[in-house]
N, C-alpha and C. Protein backbone atom coordinates (compact mmCIF):
# COMPACT_ATOMS: atom_id res chain seq x y z
N MET A 1 7.78 12.22 -19.80
CA MET A 1 7.77 10.99 -19.34
C MET A 1 7.52 9.83 -20.29
N ASN A 2 8.15 9.13 -20.26
CA ASN A 2 8.34 7.71 -21.52
C ASN A 2 6.98 6.63 -20.69
N MET A 3 6.17 6.20 -21.22
CA MET A 3 5.12 5.01 -20.83
C MET A 3 6.14 3.57 -21.25
N PRO A 4 5.88 2.90 -20.49
CA PRO A 4 6.76 1.56 -20.81
C PRO A 4 6.08 0.76 -22.02
N ALA A 5 7.48 0.14 -22.58
CA ALA A 5 6.70 -0.32 -23.63
C ALA A 5 6.11 -1.79 -23.53
N ASP A 6 5.06 -2.36 -24.44
CA ASP A 6 4.15 -3.32 -23.98
C ASP A 6 4.61 -4.20 -25.50
N LYS A 7 4.46 -5.66 -25.06
CA LYS A 7 5.07 -6.44 -25.87
C LYS A 7 3.67 -6.67 -27.11
N ASP A 8 2.23 -6.35 -26.88
CA ASP A 8 1.26 -6.10 -27.33
C ASP A 8 1.16 -4.77 -28.07
N ASP A 9 2.16 -4.07 -28.18
CA ASP A 9 1.64 -2.80 -28.53
C ASP A 9 0.67 -2.56 -29.89
N ASP A 10 0.56 -3.74 -31.02
CA ASP A 10 0.45 -3.90 -32.17
C ASP A 10 -1.37 -4.09 -31.75
N LYS A 11 -1.41 -4.58 -30.51
CA LYS A 11 -2.86 -4.73 -30.46
C LYS A 11 -3.70 -3.61 -29.54
N LEU A 12 -3.32 -2.51 -29.57
CA LEU A 12 -3.61 -1.37 -28.68
C LEU A 12 -4.78 -0.48 -29.00
N ASP A 13 -5.13 -0.82 -30.71
CA ASP A 13 -6.31 -0.55 -31.35
C ASP A 13 -7.50 -0.76 -30.55
N ASP A 14 -7.49 -2.13 -30.35
CA ASP A 14 -8.95 -2.99 -29.71
C ASP A 14 -8.49 -2.83 -28.20
N ALA A 15 -8.02 -2.05 -27.47
CA ALA A 15 -8.02 -1.88 -26.13
C ALA A 15 -8.97 -0.93 -25.81
N ASN A 16 -9.34 -1.10 -24.55
CA ASN A 16 -10.19 -0.32 -23.65
C ASN A 16 -9.48 0.35 -22.35
N LEU A 17 -9.93 1.52 -22.23
CA LEU A 17 -9.40 2.17 -20.90
C LEU A 17 -10.52 2.56 -19.85
N VAL A 18 -10.00 2.50 -18.84
CA VAL A 18 -10.73 2.28 -17.63
C VAL A 18 -10.08 3.24 -16.84
N THR A 19 -11.25 3.93 -15.86
CA THR A 19 -10.75 4.91 -14.75
C THR A 19 -10.48 4.02 -13.63
N VAL A 20 -9.42 4.16 -13.04
CA VAL A 20 -9.10 3.45 -11.67
C VAL A 20 -9.10 4.28 -10.54
N ALA A 21 -8.99 5.78 -10.91
CA ALA A 21 -8.75 6.74 -9.56
C ALA A 21 -9.62 8.19 -10.39
N GLU A 22 -9.92 8.61 -9.29
CA GLU A 22 -10.37 10.40 -9.64
C GLU A 22 -9.68 11.39 -8.80
N ARG A 23 -8.84 12.31 -9.13
CA ARG A 23 -8.58 13.37 -8.12
C ARG A 23 -8.81 14.66 -8.18
N ALA A 24 -8.99 15.47 -7.49
CA ALA A 24 -9.57 16.89 -7.51
C ALA A 24 -8.40 17.95 -8.39
N ASN A 25 -7.25 17.26 -8.65
CA ASN A 25 -6.75 18.47 -9.25
C ASN A 25 -5.55 17.53 -10.35
N GLU A 26 -4.84 18.37 -11.19
CA GLU A 26 -3.73 17.42 -12.38
C GLU A 26 -2.75 17.02 -11.44
N ILE A 27 -2.10 17.83 -10.42
CA ILE A 27 -1.02 17.51 -10.03
C ILE A 27 -1.17 16.25 -9.30
N SER A 28 -2.21 15.94 -8.54
CA SER A 28 -2.62 14.62 -7.65
C SER A 28 -2.26 13.70 -8.58
N ALA A 29 -3.17 13.75 -9.75
CA ALA A 29 -3.68 12.41 -10.76
C ALA A 29 -2.35 12.51 -11.23
N GLY A 30 -1.38 13.48 -11.66
CA GLY A 30 0.34 13.36 -12.06
C GLY A 30 0.76 12.33 -11.69
N VAL A 31 0.78 12.70 -9.99
CA VAL A 31 1.73 11.62 -9.04
C VAL A 31 1.34 10.28 -9.38
N LEU A 32 -0.27 9.90 -9.46
CA LEU A 32 -0.39 8.29 -9.56
C LEU A 32 0.21 7.87 -11.02
N VAL A 33 -0.22 8.64 -11.95
CA VAL A 33 0.14 7.89 -13.45
C VAL A 33 1.58 7.77 -13.40
N ASN A 34 2.89 8.68 -12.74
CA ASN A 34 4.00 8.69 -12.74
C ASN A 34 4.33 6.94 -11.64
N ILE A 35 3.15 6.88 -10.46
CA ILE A 35 3.74 5.68 -9.62
C ILE A 35 3.42 4.69 -10.67
N LEU A 36 2.19 4.64 -11.35
CA LEU A 36 1.89 3.56 -12.23
C LEU A 36 2.75 3.13 -13.03
N ALA A 37 3.14 4.32 -13.92
CA ALA A 37 4.39 4.31 -15.04
C ALA A 37 5.87 3.62 -14.52
N ASP A 38 6.26 4.12 -12.99
CA ASP A 38 7.35 3.19 -12.28
C ASP A 38 7.03 1.98 -12.42
N GLU A 39 5.65 1.63 -12.10
CA GLU A 39 5.63 -0.10 -11.95
C GLU A 39 5.22 -0.79 -13.22
N GLY A 40 5.39 0.18 -14.25
CA GLY A 40 5.44 -0.87 -15.53
C GLY A 40 4.13 -0.50 -16.30
N ILE A 41 3.03 0.33 -15.57
CA ILE A 41 1.70 0.27 -16.26
C ILE A 41 1.37 1.43 -17.09
N ARG A 42 1.07 1.72 -18.12
CA ARG A 42 0.70 2.72 -18.80
C ARG A 42 -0.53 3.44 -18.32
N ALA A 43 -0.43 4.51 -18.18
CA ALA A 43 -1.58 5.51 -17.63
C ALA A 43 -1.40 6.63 -18.14
N VAL A 44 -2.45 7.39 -17.80
CA VAL A 44 -3.00 8.57 -18.44
C VAL A 44 -3.97 9.55 -17.35
N SER A 45 -3.61 10.76 -17.41
CA SER A 45 -4.79 11.52 -16.87
C SER A 45 -5.65 12.26 -17.72
N VAL A 46 -6.65 12.19 -17.46
CA VAL A 46 -7.78 12.93 -18.29
C VAL A 46 -8.69 13.79 -17.42
N GLY A 47 -9.04 15.32 -18.09
CA GLY A 47 -10.13 16.08 -17.45
C GLY A 47 -9.24 17.33 -16.69
N GLY A 48 -8.05 17.39 -16.65
CA GLY A 48 -7.31 18.65 -16.06
C GLY A 48 -7.68 19.84 -16.38
N PHE A 49 -8.20 19.86 -17.56
CA PHE A 49 -8.02 21.27 -18.09
C PHE A 49 -9.80 21.88 -17.25
N THR A 50 -10.73 21.13 -17.25
CA THR A 50 -11.71 21.27 -16.78
C THR A 50 -12.04 21.25 -15.03
N ALA A 51 -10.89 20.31 -14.75
CA ALA A 51 -11.18 20.41 -13.47
C ALA A 51 -10.66 21.59 -12.75
N GLY A 52 -9.96 22.49 -13.17
CA GLY A 52 -9.67 23.72 -12.41
C GLY A 52 -10.61 24.61 -12.39
N PHE A 53 -11.61 24.67 -13.06
CA PHE A 53 -12.76 25.70 -13.04
C PHE A 53 -13.40 25.58 -11.85
N ARG A 54 -14.13 26.62 -10.92
CA ARG A 54 -14.70 26.65 -10.06
C ARG A 54 -15.94 27.20 -10.18
N ALA A 55 -16.81 26.13 -10.53
CA ALA A 55 -18.10 26.40 -11.31
C ALA A 55 -19.40 25.69 -10.41
N GLU A 56 -20.30 25.73 -10.67
CA GLU A 56 -21.73 25.16 -10.04
C GLU A 56 -21.15 22.98 -9.58
N ALA A 57 -20.49 22.57 -11.08
CA ALA A 57 -20.23 21.09 -10.85
C ALA A 57 -18.61 21.06 -11.12
N PRO A 58 -17.64 21.25 -10.26
CA PRO A 58 -16.27 21.07 -10.26
C PRO A 58 -15.97 19.61 -11.34
N GLY A 59 -14.96 19.57 -12.07
CA GLY A 59 -14.56 18.61 -12.66
C GLY A 59 -13.53 17.82 -11.84
N TRP A 60 -13.32 16.62 -12.05
CA TRP A 60 -12.39 15.59 -11.59
C TRP A 60 -11.15 15.16 -12.71
N VAL A 61 -10.15 14.87 -12.19
CA VAL A 61 -9.01 14.49 -12.99
C VAL A 61 -9.45 12.99 -13.17
N GLN A 62 -9.62 12.22 -14.01
CA GLN A 62 -9.53 10.91 -13.98
C GLN A 62 -8.41 10.09 -14.44
N VAL A 63 -7.75 9.33 -13.61
CA VAL A 63 -6.42 8.23 -14.03
C VAL A 63 -7.07 6.96 -14.83
N LYS A 64 -6.93 6.92 -16.05
CA LYS A 64 -7.25 5.65 -16.67
C LYS A 64 -5.95 5.04 -17.00
N VAL A 65 -6.60 3.66 -17.47
CA VAL A 65 -5.65 2.78 -17.60
C VAL A 65 -5.91 1.54 -18.73
N PHE A 66 -5.12 0.95 -19.31
CA PHE A 66 -5.96 -0.36 -20.37
C PHE A 66 -6.76 -1.20 -19.19
N GLU A 67 -7.59 -1.56 -19.60
CA GLU A 67 -8.40 -2.77 -18.97
C GLU A 67 -7.67 -3.74 -18.74
N LYS A 68 -6.68 -4.58 -18.92
CA LYS A 68 -5.96 -5.41 -18.68
C LYS A 68 -4.93 -5.42 -17.51
N ASP A 69 -4.75 -4.01 -17.38
CA ASP A 69 -4.10 -3.82 -16.07
C ASP A 69 -4.89 -2.95 -15.13
N SER A 70 -6.08 -2.78 -15.24
CA SER A 70 -6.54 -2.01 -14.08
C SER A 70 -6.81 -2.67 -12.78
N GLU A 71 -6.81 -4.06 -12.33
CA GLU A 71 -6.82 -4.75 -10.95
C GLU A 71 -5.60 -4.47 -10.58
N ARG A 72 -4.73 -4.25 -11.42
CA ARG A 72 -3.26 -4.14 -10.85
C ARG A 72 -2.90 -2.75 -10.07
N ALA A 73 -3.17 -1.74 -11.19
CA ALA A 73 -3.41 -0.43 -10.94
C ALA A 73 -3.89 0.03 -9.64
N LYS A 74 -5.51 -0.65 -9.69
CA LYS A 74 -5.88 -0.52 -8.44
C LYS A 74 -5.69 -0.81 -6.84
N LYS A 75 -4.73 -2.17 -7.29
CA LYS A 75 -4.10 -2.40 -6.32
C LYS A 75 -2.94 -1.36 -5.63
N ILE A 76 -2.34 -1.22 -6.50
CA ILE A 76 -1.01 0.10 -6.45
C ILE A 76 -1.45 1.19 -5.77
N ILE A 77 -2.45 1.65 -6.07
CA ILE A 77 -3.06 2.72 -6.08
C ILE A 77 -3.43 2.68 -4.36
N ALA A 78 -4.24 1.55 -4.00
CA ALA A 78 -4.82 1.61 -2.71
C ALA A 78 -3.68 1.32 -1.44
N GLU A 79 -2.48 0.79 -2.54
CA GLU A 79 -1.39 0.57 -1.22
C GLU A 79 -0.50 1.94 -1.18
N VAL A 80 -0.60 2.66 -2.03
CA VAL A 80 -0.38 4.32 -1.86
C VAL A 80 -1.32 5.03 -1.00
N LYS A 81 -2.32 4.70 -1.23
CA LYS A 81 -3.39 5.63 -0.05
C LYS A 81 -3.48 5.18 1.13
N GLU A 82 -2.55 3.79 1.37
CA GLU A 82 -2.72 3.54 2.77
C GLU A 82 -1.23 3.67 3.22
N ALA A 83 -0.20 3.82 2.47
CA ALA A 83 0.82 4.59 3.35
C ALA A 83 0.75 5.93 3.04
N ASN A 84 -0.23 6.36 2.64
CA ASN A 84 -0.25 8.05 2.62
C ASN A 84 -1.63 8.54 2.74
N PRO A 85 -2.28 8.50 3.87
CA PRO A 85 -3.80 8.74 3.98
C PRO A 85 -3.88 9.95 3.90
N GLU A 86 -3.16 10.92 4.35
CA GLU A 86 -3.37 12.03 4.28
C GLU A 86 -3.48 12.71 2.98
N ASN A 87 -2.70 12.22 1.68
CA ASN A 87 -2.31 12.80 0.34
C ASN A 87 -3.35 12.16 -0.70
N GLU A 88 -4.77 12.40 -0.39
CA GLU A 88 -5.72 11.40 -1.13
C GLU A 88 -5.76 12.62 -2.15
């Protein structure tokens, strides 16, 4: 998957990533990352390696975007959730 280009790529060193969603597995998080990419939002999933462990405190996979895109990403994720309530 290629991330969409951003006209401000030279400023990314100062950008902050924020978590916009958490999912129980890497597949669900990957779906959100791809949906956001289709909408022109750069996203990444973090924590997939540890989320698969079945320990006392299982991990979650976080979907992160640049802070400047977080509100739009949350809106898109809410729309996806509303359209597919059984697939959280």
